[in-house]
Amino acid sequence: MGQPTVGILHPGSMGAAVAACAATNAADALWCETGRSTASVERAANFGLTPVATLAELLDRSDIVISLCPPAAAEDLARDIAGHRFAGVYVEANAISPERAQRIAGLLEPDATVVDGSVVGSPPVGGKTPTLYLSGPVSVTVRIEALFAGTAVRTAVLGTEVGKASALKLSYAAFQKASRVLVALAVGMAREHGVDQELIEVASKRSGSYLSEPQYVAKTAARAWRWGPELEEAADTLAAAGLPPEMLRAAATTLARWHDAKDGSELTLTDALDRLAQP
């Protein structure tokens, strides 16, 4: 079997960088430019991805399609792909619940072979090495491992059951992202009473405390539009397991106050806390 052609849906900051890594071992890495923003066009060009005019063309030419989009769009996107009767390998790599991953597999199979995937870590640029966790048929996960061999994207196979990779991602995200939200609330409360620097000093004496890194609050605000829906997915996963989802839903509601602050926004800690205080 020769080198596969890969299609990426869609070239956001993570998707474009992951697709560029896949291109190392692929015949080509495609993306569909129809309806995408100028920023997407520039990003895809910077990463050396090949544009195609339509989704149908991308699916017709691709052996492997990787879906990396906002969690809320994952199922609708998969439904569009199913309508084209895509018959290759579909890597569902979004931050979604195991149940949603299984529904997506149901939409695409038996035409396509679905691999559940999740990326843990930052986009693979500037020395960053995220891990792509995989769960699905062995015959297909080995192909995905080969696709990223020798690149900045590491791979790890969790088993054959669709949903395992998604469960791992959301379990990690539930702690990591909700913790960052709690930092913002704690620092905001302390600032209101003029003791924010003292709070940071207390936290800095304890190893591994997010409270000692309040500068990360601005980065959290800029990622809120993606993190909020991800925590909603994690809350759904908790509820499905019979565990209380309220804390994560509250964190998602807090993140919604930063929804208009997008990736790349030049926010300061003060800006982020001011926005958080506005209902």
C-alpha atoms as a PDB file:
ATOM      1  CA  MET A   1       0.000   0.000   0.000  1.00  0.00           C
ATOM      2  CA  GLY A   2       1.448   3.362  -1.077  1.00  0.00           C
ATOM      3  CA  GLN A   3       1.389   6.644   0.770  1.00  0.00           C
ATOM      4  CA  PRO A   4      -2.182   7.753   1.540  1.00  0.00           C
ATOM      5  CA  THR A   5      -3.759  11.072   0.702  1.00  0.00           C
ATOM      6  CA  VAL A   6      -5.042  12.848   3.804  1.00  0.00           C
ATOM      7  CA  GLY A   7      -7.893  15.343   4.103  1.00  0.00           C
ATOM      8  CA  ILE A   8      -8.206  17.676   7.101  1.00  0.00           C
ATOM      9  CA  LEU A   9     -11.501  19.047   8.384  1.00  0.00           C
ATOM     10  CA  HIS A  10     -10.693  21.879   9.152  1.00  0.00           C
ATOM     11  CA  PRO A  11      -7.340  23.731   9.249  1.00  0.00           C
ATOM     12  CA  GLY A  12      -7.651  25.547  12.564  1.00  0.00           C
ATOM     13  CA  SER A  13      -4.582  26.092  14.726  1.00  0.00           C
ATOM     14  CA  MET A  14      -4.557  22.425  15.747  1.00  0.00           C
ATOM     15  CA  GLY A  15      -5.896  20.904  12.531  1.00  0.00           C
ATOM     16  CA  ALA A  16      -3.474  22.655  10.203  1.00  0.00           C
ATOM     17  CA  ALA A  17      -0.444  21.746  12.311  1.00  0.00           C
ATOM     18  CA  VAL A  18      -1.547  18.119  12.669  1.00  0.00           C
ATOM     19  CA  ALA A  19      -2.206  17.876   8.920  1.00  0.00           C
ATOM     20  CA  ALA A  20       1.259  19.278   8.192  1.00  0.00           C
ATOM     21  CA  CYS A  21       2.770  16.499  10.329  1.00  0.00           C
ATOM     22  CA  ALA A  22       0.672  13.893   8.516  1.00  0.00           C
ATOM     23  CA  ALA A  23       1.892  15.283   5.195  1.00  0.00           C
ATOM     24  CA  THR A  24       5.381  14.006   6.073  1.00  0.00           C
ATOM     25  CA  ASN A  25       4.229  10.442   5.394  1.00  0.00           C
ATOM     26  CA  ALA A  26       1.373  11.164   2.977  1.00  0.00           C
ATOM     27  CA  ALA A  27       1.141  11.631  -0.756  1.00  0.00           C
ATOM     28  CA  ASP A  28      -0.736  14.893  -0.143  1.00  0.00           C
ATOM     29  CA  ALA A  29      -2.630  16.751   2.598  1.00  0.00           C
ATOM     30  CA  LEU A  30      -5.840  18.377   1.372  1.00  0.00           C
ATOM     31  CA  TRP A  31      -8.287  20.888   2.760  1.00  0.00           C
ATOM     32  CA  CYS A  32     -11.507  22.407   1.404  1.00  0.00           C
ATOM     33  CA  GLU A  33     -11.298  26.186   0.986  1.00  0.00           C
ATOM     34  CA  THR A  34     -14.984  26.798   0.218  1.00  0.00           C
ATOM     35  CA  GLY A  35     -16.601  28.957   2.875  1.00  0.00           C
ATOM     36  CA  ARG A  36     -13.470  29.275   5.001  1.00  0.00           C
ATOM     37  CA  SER A  37     -12.065  32.521   6.360  1.00  0.00           C
ATOM     38  CA  THR A  38      -9.056  34.461   5.114  1.00  0.00           C
ATOM     39  CA  ALA A  39      -7.221  33.386   8.259  1.00  0.00           C
ATOM     40  CA  SER A  40      -7.860  29.717   7.391  1.00  0.00           C
ATOM     41  CA  VAL A  41      -6.567  30.246   3.854  1.00  0.00           C
ATOM     42  CA  GLU A  42      -3.380  31.875   5.145  1.00  0.00           C
ATOM     43  CA  ARG A  43      -2.882  29.235   7.837  1.00  0.00           C
ATOM     44  CA  ALA A  44      -3.326  26.343   5.401  1.00  0.00           C
ATOM     45  CA  ALA A  45      -0.891  27.955   2.966  1.00  0.00           C
ATOM     46  CA  ASN A  46       1.684  28.495   5.706  1.00  0.00           C
ATOM     47  CA  PHE A  47       1.530  24.807   6.604  1.00  0.00           C
ATOM     48  CA  GLY A  48       1.807  23.709   2.975  1.00  0.00           C
ATOM     49  CA  LEU A  49      -1.654  22.154   2.681  1.00  0.00           C
ATOM     50  CA  THR A  50      -3.229  21.666  -0.743  1.00  0.00           C
ATOM     51  CA  PRO A  51      -6.567  23.437  -1.318  1.00  0.00           C
ATOM     52  CA  VAL A  52      -9.482  21.803  -3.123  1.00  0.00           C
ATOM     53  CA  ALA A  53     -12.664  23.522  -4.240  1.00  0.00           C
ATOM     54  CA  THR A  54     -15.318  21.265  -2.724  1.00  0.00           C
ATOM     55  CA  LEU A  55     -15.868  18.812   0.102  1.00  0.00           C
ATOM     56  CA  ALA A  56     -16.848  16.199  -2.478  1.00  0.00           C
ATOM     57  CA  GLU A  57     -13.447  16.534  -4.158  1.00  0.00           C
ATOM     58  CA  LEU A  58     -11.620  16.250  -0.835  1.00  0.00           C
ATOM     59  CA  LEU A  59     -13.510  13.077   0.058  1.00  0.00           C
ATOM     60  CA  ASP A  60     -13.080  11.579  -3.391  1.00  0.00           C
ATOM     61  CA  ARG A  61      -9.287  12.067  -3.284  1.00  0.00           C
ATOM     62  CA  SER A  62      -8.649  11.246   0.388  1.00  0.00           C
ATOM     63  CA  ASP A  63      -7.859   7.808   1.807  1.00  0.00           C
ATOM     64  CA  ILE A  64      -7.869   9.167   5.370  1.00  0.00           C
ATOM     65  CA  VAL A  65      -9.908  12.105   6.664  1.00  0.00           C
ATOM     66  CA  ILE A  66      -9.117  13.713  10.025  1.00  0.00           C
ATOM     67  CA  SER A  67     -11.870  15.727  11.682  1.00  0.00           C
ATOM     68  CA  LEU A  68     -10.607  18.496  14.012  1.00  0.00           C
ATOM     69  CA  CYS A  69     -13.270  21.140  14.518  1.00  0.00           C
ATOM     70  CA  PRO A  70     -15.181  22.808  17.395  1.00  0.00           C
ATOM     71  CA  PRO A  71     -16.928  20.054  19.403  1.00  0.00           C
ATOM     72  CA  ALA A  72     -20.426  21.395  18.733  1.00  0.00           C
ATOM     73  CA  ALA A  73     -19.902  21.015  14.971  1.00  0.00           C
ATOM     74  CA  ALA A  74     -18.479  17.480  14.997  1.00  0.00           C
ATOM     75  CA  GLU A  75     -21.710  15.545  14.556  1.00  0.00           C
ATOM     76  CA  ASP A  76     -23.168  17.816  11.863  1.00  0.00           C
ATOM     77  CA  LEU A  77     -19.877  17.623   9.985  1.00  0.00           C
ATOM     78  CA  ALA A  78     -19.906  13.823  10.180  1.00  0.00           C
ATOM     79  CA  ARG A  79     -23.485  13.840   8.896  1.00  0.00           C
ATOM     80  CA  ASP A  80     -22.344  15.845   5.850  1.00  0.00           C
ATOM     81  CA  ILE A  81     -19.543  13.347   5.259  1.00  0.00           C
ATOM     82  CA  ALA A  82     -21.980  10.433   5.525  1.00  0.00           C
ATOM     83  CA  GLY A  83     -24.149  12.075   2.876  1.00  0.00           C
ATOM     84  CA  HIS A  84     -21.231  11.778   0.454  1.00  0.00           C
ATOM     85  CA  ARG A  85     -20.839   8.055   1.251  1.00  0.00           C
ATOM     86  CA  PHE A  86     -17.167   8.469   2.110  1.00  0.00           C
ATOM     87  CA  ALA A  87     -15.562   5.006   2.085  1.00  0.00           C
ATOM     88  CA  GLY A  88     -12.122   5.647   3.547  1.00  0.00           C
ATOM     89  CA  VAL A  89     -10.800   5.999   7.102  1.00  0.00           C
ATOM     90  CA  TYR A  90     -12.430   8.705   9.221  1.00  0.00           C
ATOM     91  CA  VAL A  91     -10.472   9.839  12.283  1.00  0.00           C
ATOM     92  CA  GLU A  92     -12.924  11.513  14.660  1.00  0.00           C
ATOM     93  CA  ALA A  93     -10.386  13.541  16.655  1.00  0.00           C
ATOM     94  CA  ASN A  94     -12.621  16.127  18.305  1.00  0.00           C
ATOM     95  CA  ALA A  95     -13.142  16.774  22.020  1.00  0.00           C
ATOM     96  CA  ILE A  96     -16.522  15.064  22.212  1.00  0.00           C
ATOM     97  CA  SER A  97     -18.225  12.589  24.515  1.00  0.00           C
ATOM     98  CA  PRO A  98     -17.802   8.822  23.945  1.00  0.00           C
ATOM     99  CA  GLU A  99     -21.526   8.632  23.219  1.00  0.00           C
ATOM    100  CA  ARG A 100     -21.247  11.262  20.493  1.00  0.00           C
ATOM    101  CA  ALA A 101     -18.217   9.486  19.029  1.00  0.00           C
ATOM    102  CA  GLN A 102     -20.241   6.286  18.870  1.00  0.00           C
ATOM    103  CA  ARG A 103     -23.156   8.087  17.204  1.00  0.00           C
ATOM    104  CA  ILE A 104     -20.757   9.476  14.605  1.00  0.00           C
ATOM    105  CA  ALA A 105     -19.415   5.985  13.964  1.00  0.00           C
ATOM    106  CA  GLY A 106     -22.995   4.857  13.433  1.00  0.00           C
ATOM    107  CA  LEU A 107     -23.552   7.636  10.885  1.00  0.00           C
ATOM    108  CA  LEU A 108     -20.479   6.772   8.811  1.00  0.00           C
ATOM    109  CA  GLU A 109     -20.296   2.994   8.996  1.00  0.00           C
ATOM    110  CA  PRO A 110     -20.344   0.659   7.127  1.00  0.00           C
ATOM    111  CA  ASP A 111     -19.157   2.881   4.255  1.00  0.00           C
ATOM    112  CA  ALA A 112     -16.253   4.364   6.221  1.00  0.00           C
ATOM    113  CA  THR A 113     -14.028   2.874   8.909  1.00  0.00           C
ATOM    114  CA  VAL A 114     -14.125   5.112  11.985  1.00  0.00           C
ATOM    115  CA  VAL A 115     -11.245   5.609  14.410  1.00  0.00           C
ATOM    116  CA  ASP A 116     -11.906   7.468  17.651  1.00  0.00           C
ATOM    117  CA  GLY A 117      -9.115   9.950  18.289  1.00  0.00           C
ATOM    118  CA  SER A 118      -8.203  12.702  20.721  1.00  0.00           C
ATOM    119  CA  VAL A 119      -5.320  15.154  20.792  1.00  0.00           C
ATOM    120  CA  VAL A 120      -3.858  15.946  24.200  1.00  0.00           C
ATOM    121  CA  GLY A 121      -1.399  18.822  24.213  1.00  0.00           C
ATOM    122  CA  SER A 122      -0.707  21.981  22.240  1.00  0.00           C
ATOM    123  CA  PRO A 123      -0.495  22.157  18.416  1.00  0.00           C
ATOM    124  CA  PRO A 124       2.716  20.503  17.122  1.00  0.00           C
ATOM    125  CA  VAL A 125       4.705  23.658  16.418  1.00  0.00           C
ATOM    126  CA  GLY A 126       7.676  25.274  18.090  1.00  0.00           C
ATOM    127  CA  GLY A 127       8.888  22.055  19.655  1.00  0.00           C
ATOM    128  CA  LYS A 128       5.494  21.010  21.075  1.00  0.00           C
ATOM    129  CA  THR A 129       4.738  17.269  20.833  1.00  0.00           C
ATOM    130  CA  PRO A 130       1.068  16.473  21.467  1.00  0.00           C
ATOM    131  CA  THR A 131      -0.190  12.905  21.625  1.00  0.00           C
ATOM    132  CA  LEU A 132      -2.928  11.605  19.355  1.00  0.00           C
ATOM    133  CA  TYR A 133      -4.722   8.846  21.257  1.00  0.00           C
ATOM    134  CA  LEU A 134      -6.528   6.297  19.110  1.00  0.00           C
ATOM    135  CA  SER A 135      -9.134   3.609  19.598  1.00  0.00           C
ATOM    136  CA  GLY A 136     -10.523   1.546  16.755  1.00  0.00           C
ATOM    137  CA  PRO A 137      -9.834  -1.464  14.533  1.00  0.00           C
ATOM    138  CA  VAL A 138      -6.206  -2.590  14.724  1.00  0.00           C
ATOM    139  CA  SER A 139      -5.904  -2.765  10.935  1.00  0.00           C
ATOM    140  CA  VAL A 140      -6.630   0.965  10.774  1.00  0.00           C
ATOM    141  CA  THR A 141      -4.935   2.337  13.887  1.00  0.00           C
ATOM    142  CA  VAL A 142      -1.622   0.943  12.623  1.00  0.00           C
ATOM    143  CA  ARG A 143      -2.095   3.036   9.476  1.00  0.00           C
ATOM    144  CA  ILE A 144      -2.639   6.179  11.545  1.00  0.00           C
ATOM    145  CA  GLU A 145       0.441   5.380  13.632  1.00  0.00           C
ATOM    146  CA  ALA A 146       2.471   5.037  10.421  1.00  0.00           C
ATOM    147  CA  LEU A 147       1.057   8.329   9.134  1.00  0.00           C
ATOM    148  CA  PHE A 148       2.564  10.215  12.088  1.00  0.00           C
ATOM    149  CA  ALA A 149       5.738   8.177  12.531  1.00  0.00           C
ATOM    150  CA  GLY A 150       8.779  10.392  12.989  1.00  0.00           C
ATOM    151  CA  THR A 151       6.715  13.590  13.373  1.00  0.00           C
ATOM    152  CA  ALA A 152       5.948  15.908  16.272  1.00  0.00           C
ATOM    153  CA  VAL A 153       2.605  14.147  16.765  1.00  0.00           C
ATOM    154  CA  ARG A 154       3.024  11.113  18.967  1.00  0.00           C
ATOM    155  CA  THR A 155       0.438   8.327  18.832  1.00  0.00           C
ATOM    156  CA  ALA A 156      -0.877   5.893  21.426  1.00  0.00           C
ATOM    157  CA  VAL A 157      -3.477   3.178  20.868  1.00  0.00           C
ATOM    158  CA  LEU A 158      -5.933   2.587  23.710  1.00  0.00           C
ATOM    159  CA  GLY A 159      -7.827  -0.362  22.253  1.00  0.00           C
ATOM    160  CA  THR A 160     -10.397  -1.205  19.621  1.00  0.00           C
ATOM    161  CA  GLU A 161     -13.524   0.330  21.167  1.00  0.00           C
ATOM    162  CA  VAL A 162     -14.749   3.623  19.729  1.00  0.00           C
ATOM    163  CA  GLY A 163     -15.159   6.038  22.636  1.00  0.00           C
ATOM    164  CA  LYS A 164     -12.048   5.246  24.678  1.00  0.00           C
ATOM    165  CA  ALA A 165      -9.926   8.016  23.173  1.00  0.00           C
ATOM    166  CA  SER A 166     -12.751  10.522  23.615  1.00  0.00           C
ATOM    167  CA  ALA A 167     -13.226   9.466  27.238  1.00  0.00           C
ATOM    168  CA  LEU A 168      -9.537  10.008  27.995  1.00  0.00           C
ATOM    169  CA  LYS A 169      -9.538  13.470  26.408  1.00  0.00           C
ATOM    170  CA  LEU A 170     -12.592  14.664  28.312  1.00  0.00           C
ATOM    171  CA  SER A 171     -11.418  13.174  31.605  1.00  0.00           C
ATOM    172  CA  TYR A 172      -8.213  15.198  31.272  1.00  0.00           C
ATOM    173  CA  ALA A 173     -10.001  18.307  30.017  1.00  0.00           C
ATOM    174  CA  ALA A 174     -12.497  18.187  32.881  1.00  0.00           C
ATOM    175  CA  PHE A 175      -9.693  18.787  35.369  1.00  0.00           C
ATOM    176  CA  GLN A 176      -7.346  20.957  33.356  1.00  0.00           C
ATOM    177  CA  LYS A 177      -9.841  23.418  31.922  1.00  0.00           C
ATOM    178  CA  ALA A 178     -12.171  23.656  34.923  1.00  0.00           C
ATOM    179  CA  SER A 179      -9.112  24.316  37.114  1.00  0.00           C
ATOM    180  CA  ARG A 180      -8.169  27.275  34.955  1.00  0.00           C
ATOM    181  CA  VAL A 181     -11.696  28.665  35.331  1.00  0.00           C
ATOM    182  CA  LEU A 182     -11.424  28.374  39.106  1.00  0.00           C
ATOM    183  CA  VAL A 183      -8.152  30.335  38.970  1.00  0.00           C
ATOM    184  CA  ALA A 184      -9.908  33.169  37.172  1.00  0.00           C
ATOM    185  CA  LEU A 185     -12.692  33.260  39.746  1.00  0.00           C
ATOM    186  CA  ALA A 186     -10.296  33.128  42.693  1.00  0.00           C
ATOM    187  CA  VAL A 187      -8.035  35.876  41.330  1.00  0.00           C
ATOM    188  CA  GLY A 188     -11.059  37.979  40.366  1.00  0.00           C
ATOM    189  CA  MET A 189     -12.458  37.675  43.889  1.00  0.00           C
ATOM    190  CA  ALA A 190      -9.111  38.554  45.459  1.00  0.00           C
ATOM    191  CA  ARG A 191      -8.646  41.546  43.133  1.00  0.00           C
ATOM    192  CA  GLU A 192     -12.014  42.919  44.181  1.00  0.00           C
ATOM    193  CA  HIS A 193     -10.705  43.089  47.741  1.00  0.00           C
ATOM    194  CA  GLY A 194      -7.190  44.214  46.884  1.00  0.00           C
ATOM    195  CA  VAL A 195      -5.446  40.986  47.904  1.00  0.00           C
ATOM    196  CA  ASP A 196      -4.745  39.414  44.508  1.00  0.00           C
ATOM    197  CA  GLN A 197      -0.959  39.693  44.812  1.00  0.00           C
ATOM    198  CA  GLU A 198      -1.096  38.164  48.278  1.00  0.00           C
ATOM    199  CA  LEU A 199      -3.187  35.290  46.911  1.00  0.00           C
ATOM    200  CA  ILE A 200      -0.605  34.615  44.210  1.00  0.00           C
ATOM    201  CA  GLU A 201       2.167  34.716  46.797  1.00  0.00           C
ATOM    202  CA  VAL A 202       0.355  32.155  48.971  1.00  0.00           C
ATOM    203  CA  ALA A 203      -0.203  29.898  45.977  1.00  0.00           C
ATOM    204  CA  SER A 204       3.406  30.195  44.792  1.00  0.00           C
ATOM    205  CA  LYS A 205       4.549  28.536  48.015  1.00  0.00           C
ATOM    206  CA  ARG A 206       2.674  25.399  47.009  1.00  0.00           C
ATOM    207  CA  SER A 207       4.136  23.392  44.144  1.00  0.00           C
ATOM    208  CA  GLY A 208       1.995  22.763  41.098  1.00  0.00           C
ATOM    209  CA  SER A 209      -0.770  25.283  41.919  1.00  0.00           C
ATOM    210  CA  TYR A 210      -2.468  26.929  38.937  1.00  0.00           C
ATOM    211  CA  LEU A 211      -3.165  29.869  41.235  1.00  0.00           C
ATOM    212  CA  SER A 212       0.524  30.764  41.046  1.00  0.00           C
ATOM    213  CA  GLU A 213       0.117  31.279  37.262  1.00  0.00           C
ATOM    214  CA  PRO A 214      -2.615  33.948  36.969  1.00  0.00           C
ATOM    215  CA  GLN A 215      -1.127  35.145  33.683  1.00  0.00           C
ATOM    216  CA  TYR A 216      -2.725  32.061  32.141  1.00  0.00           C
ATOM    217  CA  VAL A 217      -6.192  33.528  32.770  1.00  0.00           C
ATOM    218  CA  ALA A 218      -5.902  35.685  29.628  1.00  0.00           C
ATOM    219  CA  LYS A 219      -5.005  32.600  27.571  1.00  0.00           C
ATOM    220  CA  THR A 220      -7.993  30.799  29.068  1.00  0.00           C
ATOM    221  CA  ALA A 221     -10.246  33.678  28.023  1.00  0.00           C
ATOM    222  CA  ALA A 222      -8.934  33.538  24.448  1.00  0.00           C
ATOM    223  CA  ARG A 223      -9.695  29.804  24.290  1.00  0.00           C
ATOM    224  CA  ALA A 224     -13.099  29.997  25.982  1.00  0.00           C
ATOM    225  CA  TRP A 225     -15.046  29.674  22.721  1.00  0.00           C
ATOM    226  CA  ARG A 226     -13.504  26.201  22.286  1.00  0.00           C
ATOM    227  CA  TRP A 227     -13.159  25.145  25.918  1.00  0.00           C
ATOM    228  CA  GLY A 228     -16.768  25.892  26.908  1.00  0.00           C
ATOM    229  CA  PRO A 229     -18.344  23.410  24.463  1.00  0.00           C
ATOM    230  CA  GLU A 230     -15.656  20.879  25.390  1.00  0.00           C
ATOM    231  CA  LEU A 231     -16.622  21.089  29.061  1.00  0.00           C
ATOM    232  CA  GLU A 232     -20.291  20.686  28.088  1.00  0.00           C
ATOM    233  CA  GLU A 233     -19.298  17.440  26.364  1.00  0.00           C
ATOM    234  CA  ALA A 234     -17.407  16.415  29.497  1.00  0.00           C
ATOM    235  CA  ALA A 235     -20.466  17.222  31.633  1.00  0.00           C
ATOM    236  CA  ASP A 236     -22.611  15.022  29.372  1.00  0.00           C
ATOM    237  CA  THR A 237     -20.074  12.237  29.844  1.00  0.00           C
ATOM    238  CA  LEU A 238     -20.231  12.610  33.635  1.00  0.00           C
ATOM    239  CA  ALA A 239     -24.026  12.509  33.562  1.00  0.00           C
ATOM    240  CA  ALA A 240     -23.988   9.385  31.398  1.00  0.00           C
ATOM    241  CA  ALA A 241     -21.752   7.733  34.009  1.00  0.00           C
ATOM    242  CA  GLY A 242     -24.143   8.640  36.818  1.00  0.00           C
ATOM    243  CA  LEU A 243     -21.788  11.338  38.145  1.00  0.00           C
ATOM    244  CA  PRO A 244     -22.853  14.926  38.923  1.00  0.00           C
ATOM    245  CA  PRO A 245     -22.204  17.243  35.928  1.00  0.00           C
ATOM    246  CA  GLU A 246     -23.073  20.553  37.581  1.00  0.00           C
ATOM    247  CA  MET A 247     -19.533  21.749  38.313  1.00  0.00           C
ATOM    248  CA  LEU A 248     -18.410  21.402  34.709  1.00  0.00           C
ATOM    249  CA  ARG A 249     -21.603  22.997  33.398  1.00  0.00           C
ATOM    250  CA  ALA A 250     -20.954  25.945  35.720  1.00  0.00           C
ATOM    251  CA  ALA A 251     -17.381  26.215  34.421  1.00  0.00           C
ATOM    252  CA  ALA A 252     -18.731  26.211  30.853  1.00  0.00           C
ATOM    253  CA  THR A 253     -21.188  28.974  31.773  1.00  0.00           C
ATOM    254  CA  THR A 254     -18.320  31.013  33.193  1.00  0.00           C
ATOM    255  CA  LEU A 255     -16.290  30.512  30.029  1.00  0.00           C
ATOM    256  CA  ALA A 256     -19.240  31.789  28.002  1.00  0.00           C
ATOM    257  CA  ARG A 257     -18.562  35.277  29.381  1.00  0.00           C
ATOM    258  CA  TRP A 258     -15.336  35.242  27.352  1.00  0.00           C
ATOM    259  CA  HIS A 259     -16.927  33.829  24.206  1.00  0.00           C
ATOM    260  CA  ASP A 260     -16.109  36.895  22.088  1.00  0.00           C
ATOM    261  CA  ALA A 261     -12.401  36.701  22.953  1.00  0.00           C
ATOM    262  CA  LYS A 262     -10.979  34.497  20.206  1.00  0.00           C
ATOM    263  CA  ASP A 263      -7.607  32.824  19.781  1.00  0.00           C
ATOM    264  CA  GLY A 264      -5.033  35.462  19.014  1.00  0.00           C
ATOM    265  CA  SER A 265      -6.786  38.173  21.025  1.00  0.00           C
ATOM    266  CA  GLU A 266      -4.265  40.389  22.816  1.00  0.00           C
ATOM    267  CA  LEU A 267      -5.864  40.213  26.252  1.00  0.00           C
ATOM    268  CA  THR A 268      -4.166  41.103  29.509  1.00  0.00           C
ATOM    269  CA  LEU A 269      -5.030  39.593  32.879  1.00  0.00           C
ATOM    270  CA  THR A 270      -6.882  42.812  33.737  1.00  0.00           C
ATOM    271  CA  ASP A 271      -8.870  42.686  30.474  1.00  0.00           C
ATOM    272  CA  ALA A 272      -9.871  39.072  31.091  1.00  0.00           C
ATOM    273  CA  LEU A 273     -10.964  39.684  34.671  1.00  0.00           C
ATOM    274  CA  ASP A 274     -12.915  42.798  33.648  1.00  0.00           C
ATOM    275  CA  ARG A 275     -14.783  40.792  31.005  1.00  0.00           C
ATOM    276  CA  LEU A 276     -15.471  38.061  33.527  1.00  0.00           C
ATOM    277  CA  ALA A 277     -17.107  40.599  35.842  1.00  0.00           C
ATOM    278  CA  GLN A 278     -19.541  41.714  33.130  1.00  0.00           C
ATOM    279  CA  PRO A 279     -22.763  39.639  32.981  1.00  0.00           C
END
